[in-house]
Amino acid sequence: MAQFQRISTAQAKTLCSTGGALVVDIRDPQSFAANHIKDAQPLSNENLADFMANTDKSTQVVVCCYHGNSSQSAALYLAEQGFNAVYSLDGGFEQWRLDFPEDCSN
């Protein structure tokens, strides 16, 4: 059974800085354009097929949404598609923005 793990912003930051994890942001394009985690890439239904085809399944993927709810479903989907290191960001972008405002791009 495919699984993902819920992680805190501190754990995600460590994964990104030491493990080379990729952050994908599933919020709407306007929210992403207004502000997002540095180096995050937007992920939506429009670019999902390209992401799936061009991303190594062994890549650590941290899924980010607004508050950490929708990211759980998206993380489960990625795990079901064969990604073997998938994480859902607890608290989502809003928590990251509070914890690490210096690591946001707008």
C-alpha atoms as a PDB file:
ATOM      1  CA  MET A   1       0.000   0.000   0.000  1.00  0.00           C
ATOM      2  CA  ALA A   2       1.365   3.395  -1.012  1.00  0.00           C
ATOM      3  CA  GLN A   3       2.062   5.779   1.838  1.00  0.00           C
ATOM      4  CA  PHE A   4       3.226   9.292   2.525  1.00  0.00           C
ATOM      5  CA  GLN A   5       4.407  10.983   5.685  1.00  0.00           C
ATOM      6  CA  ARG A   6       3.187  14.211   7.260  1.00  0.00           C
ATOM      7  CA  ILE A   7       6.089  16.442   8.293  1.00  0.00           C
ATOM      8  CA  SER A   8       6.571  19.772  10.028  1.00  0.00           C
ATOM      9  CA  THR A   9       7.980  22.844   8.364  1.00  0.00           C
ATOM     10  CA  ALA A  10      11.266  22.333  10.234  1.00  0.00           C
ATOM     11  CA  GLN A  11      11.530  18.758   8.949  1.00  0.00           C
ATOM     12  CA  ALA A  12      10.724  19.925   5.415  1.00  0.00           C
ATOM     13  CA  LYS A  13      13.326  22.658   5.565  1.00  0.00           C
ATOM     14  CA  THR A  14      15.932  20.111   6.650  1.00  0.00           C
ATOM     15  CA  LEU A  15      14.942  17.744   3.838  1.00  0.00           C
ATOM     16  CA  CYS A  16      15.247  20.549   1.315  1.00  0.00           C
ATOM     17  CA  SER A  17      18.585  21.827   2.548  1.00  0.00           C
ATOM     18  CA  THR A  18      20.290  18.492   3.219  1.00  0.00           C
ATOM     19  CA  GLY A  19      18.398  15.885   1.254  1.00  0.00           C
ATOM     20  CA  GLY A  20      17.639  17.763  -1.910  1.00  0.00           C
ATOM     21  CA  ALA A  21      13.887  17.326  -1.598  1.00  0.00           C
ATOM     22  CA  LEU A  22      11.677  18.927  -4.217  1.00  0.00           C
ATOM     23  CA  VAL A  23       8.798  21.104  -2.989  1.00  0.00           C
ATOM     24  CA  VAL A  24       5.678  21.080  -5.157  1.00  0.00           C
ATOM     25  CA  ASP A  25       2.965  23.652  -4.476  1.00  0.00           C
ATOM     26  CA  ILE A  26      -0.586  22.641  -5.367  1.00  0.00           C
ATOM     27  CA  ARG A  27      -2.203  25.995  -4.568  1.00  0.00           C
ATOM     28  CA  ASP A  28      -3.861  27.959  -7.360  1.00  0.00           C
ATOM     29  CA  PRO A  29      -1.578  29.803  -9.818  1.00  0.00           C
ATOM     30  CA  GLN A  30      -2.448  33.256  -8.460  1.00  0.00           C
ATOM     31  CA  SER A  31      -1.513  32.289  -4.900  1.00  0.00           C
ATOM     32  CA  PHE A  32       1.708  30.683  -6.085  1.00  0.00           C
ATOM     33  CA  ALA A  33       2.604  33.784  -8.122  1.00  0.00           C
ATOM     34  CA  ALA A  34       1.912  36.049  -5.141  1.00  0.00           C
ATOM     35  CA  ASN A  35       4.193  34.131  -2.774  1.00  0.00           C
ATOM     36  CA  HIS A  36       5.636  30.637  -2.417  1.00  0.00           C
ATOM     37  CA  ILE A  37       8.438  28.637  -0.830  1.00  0.00           C
ATOM     38  CA  LYS A  38      11.734  29.434  -2.548  1.00  0.00           C
ATOM     39  CA  ASP A  39      12.569  26.918  -5.277  1.00  0.00           C
ATOM     40  CA  ALA A  40       9.104  25.330  -5.089  1.00  0.00           C
ATOM     41  CA  GLN A  41       7.473  24.421  -8.351  1.00  0.00           C
ATOM     42  CA  PRO A  42       3.760  24.675  -9.027  1.00  0.00           C
ATOM     43  CA  LEU A  43       1.915  21.418  -9.578  1.00  0.00           C
ATOM     44  CA  SER A  44      -1.583  21.286 -11.037  1.00  0.00           C
ATOM     45  CA  ASN A  45      -3.707  19.115 -13.279  1.00  0.00           C
ATOM     46  CA  GLU A  46      -2.276  21.055 -16.232  1.00  0.00           C
ATOM     47  CA  ASN A  47       1.337  20.041 -15.614  1.00  0.00           C
ATOM     48  CA  LEU A  48       0.884  16.791 -13.664  1.00  0.00           C
ATOM     49  CA  ALA A  49       1.556  14.506 -16.649  1.00  0.00           C
ATOM     50  CA  ASP A  50       4.832  16.314 -17.410  1.00  0.00           C
ATOM     51  CA  PHE A  51       5.836  16.168 -13.752  1.00  0.00           C
ATOM     52  CA  MET A  52       5.123  12.432 -13.609  1.00  0.00           C
ATOM     53  CA  ALA A  53       7.047  11.763 -16.831  1.00  0.00           C
ATOM     54  CA  ASN A  54      10.073  13.927 -16.004  1.00  0.00           C
ATOM     55  CA  THR A  55      10.623  13.394 -12.267  1.00  0.00           C
ATOM     56  CA  ASP A  56      12.630  10.488 -10.922  1.00  0.00           C
ATOM     57  CA  LYS A  57      10.379   8.392  -8.667  1.00  0.00           C
ATOM     58  CA  SER A  58      13.161   8.236  -6.066  1.00  0.00           C
ATOM     59  CA  THR A  59      13.113  12.032  -5.646  1.00  0.00           C
ATOM     60  CA  GLN A  60      11.943  13.170  -2.233  1.00  0.00           C
ATOM     61  CA  VAL A  61       8.799  15.228  -2.827  1.00  0.00           C
ATOM     62  CA  VAL A  62       7.255  17.615  -0.280  1.00  0.00           C
ATOM     63  CA  VAL A  63       3.693  18.574  -1.207  1.00  0.00           C
ATOM     64  CA  CYS A  64       2.542  22.013  -0.074  1.00  0.00           C
ATOM     65  CA  CYS A  65      -0.969  23.493  -0.116  1.00  0.00           C
ATOM     66  CA  TYR A  66      -2.567  26.334   1.855  1.00  0.00           C
ATOM     67  CA  HIS A  67      -2.910  24.745   5.316  1.00  0.00           C
ATOM     68  CA  GLY A  68      -1.781  21.132   4.989  1.00  0.00           C
ATOM     69  CA  ASN A  69      -5.090  19.447   4.181  1.00  0.00           C
ATOM     70  CA  SER A  70      -5.250  19.130   0.389  1.00  0.00           C
ATOM     71  CA  SER A  71      -1.578  18.228   0.280  1.00  0.00           C
ATOM     72  CA  GLN A  72      -2.359  14.928   2.006  1.00  0.00           C
ATOM     73  CA  SER A  73      -4.546  13.742  -0.885  1.00  0.00           C
ATOM     74  CA  ALA A  74      -1.989  14.910  -3.431  1.00  0.00           C
ATOM     75  CA  ALA A  75       0.836  13.202  -1.521  1.00  0.00           C
ATOM     76  CA  LEU A  76      -1.119   9.958  -1.413  1.00  0.00           C
ATOM     77  CA  TYR A  77      -1.734  10.187  -5.160  1.00  0.00           C
ATOM     78  CA  LEU A  78       1.981  10.654  -5.870  1.00  0.00           C
ATOM     79  CA  ALA A  79       2.828   7.727  -3.610  1.00  0.00           C
ATOM     80  CA  GLU A  80       0.266   5.590  -5.437  1.00  0.00           C
ATOM     81  CA  GLN A  81       1.940   6.560  -8.727  1.00  0.00           C
ATOM     82  CA  GLY A  82       5.239   5.106  -7.554  1.00  0.00           C
ATOM     83  CA  PHE A  83       7.037   7.973  -5.819  1.00  0.00           C
ATOM     84  CA  ASN A  84       8.684   6.352  -2.823  1.00  0.00           C
ATOM     85  CA  ALA A  85       9.523   9.348  -0.624  1.00  0.00           C
ATOM     86  CA  VAL A  86       6.488  11.645  -0.466  1.00  0.00           C
ATOM     87  CA  TYR A  87       5.693  14.095   2.316  1.00  0.00           C
ATOM     88  CA  SER A  88       2.746  16.355   3.113  1.00  0.00           C
ATOM     89  CA  LEU A  89       3.676  19.688   4.705  1.00  0.00           C
ATOM     90  CA  ASP A  90       1.730  20.119   7.964  1.00  0.00           C
ATOM     91  CA  GLY A  91       0.348  23.633   8.181  1.00  0.00           C
ATOM     92  CA  GLY A  92       1.008  24.181   4.491  1.00  0.00           C
ATOM     93  CA  PHE A  93       2.386  27.380   3.017  1.00  0.00           C
ATOM     94  CA  GLU A  94       0.760  29.498   5.724  1.00  0.00           C
ATOM     95  CA  GLN A  95       2.771  27.745   8.439  1.00  0.00           C
ATOM     96  CA  TRP A  96       5.965  27.910   6.365  1.00  0.00           C
ATOM     97  CA  ARG A  97       5.401  31.649   5.814  1.00  0.00           C
ATOM     98  CA  LEU A  98       5.126  32.145   9.572  1.00  0.00           C
ATOM     99  CA  ASP A  99       8.093  29.933  10.445  1.00  0.00           C
ATOM    100  CA  PHE A 100      10.478  30.877   7.616  1.00  0.00           C
ATOM    101  CA  PRO A 101       9.446  34.165   6.000  1.00  0.00           C
ATOM    102  CA  GLU A 102      12.990  34.591   4.700  1.00  0.00           C
ATOM    103  CA  ASP A 103      12.543  31.440   2.612  1.00  0.00           C
ATOM    104  CA  CYS A 104       9.585  32.717   0.633  1.00  0.00           C
ATOM    105  CA  SER A 105       9.622  34.208  -2.846  1.00  0.00           C
ATOM    106  CA  ASN A 106       7.110  36.746  -4.027  1.00  0.00           C
END
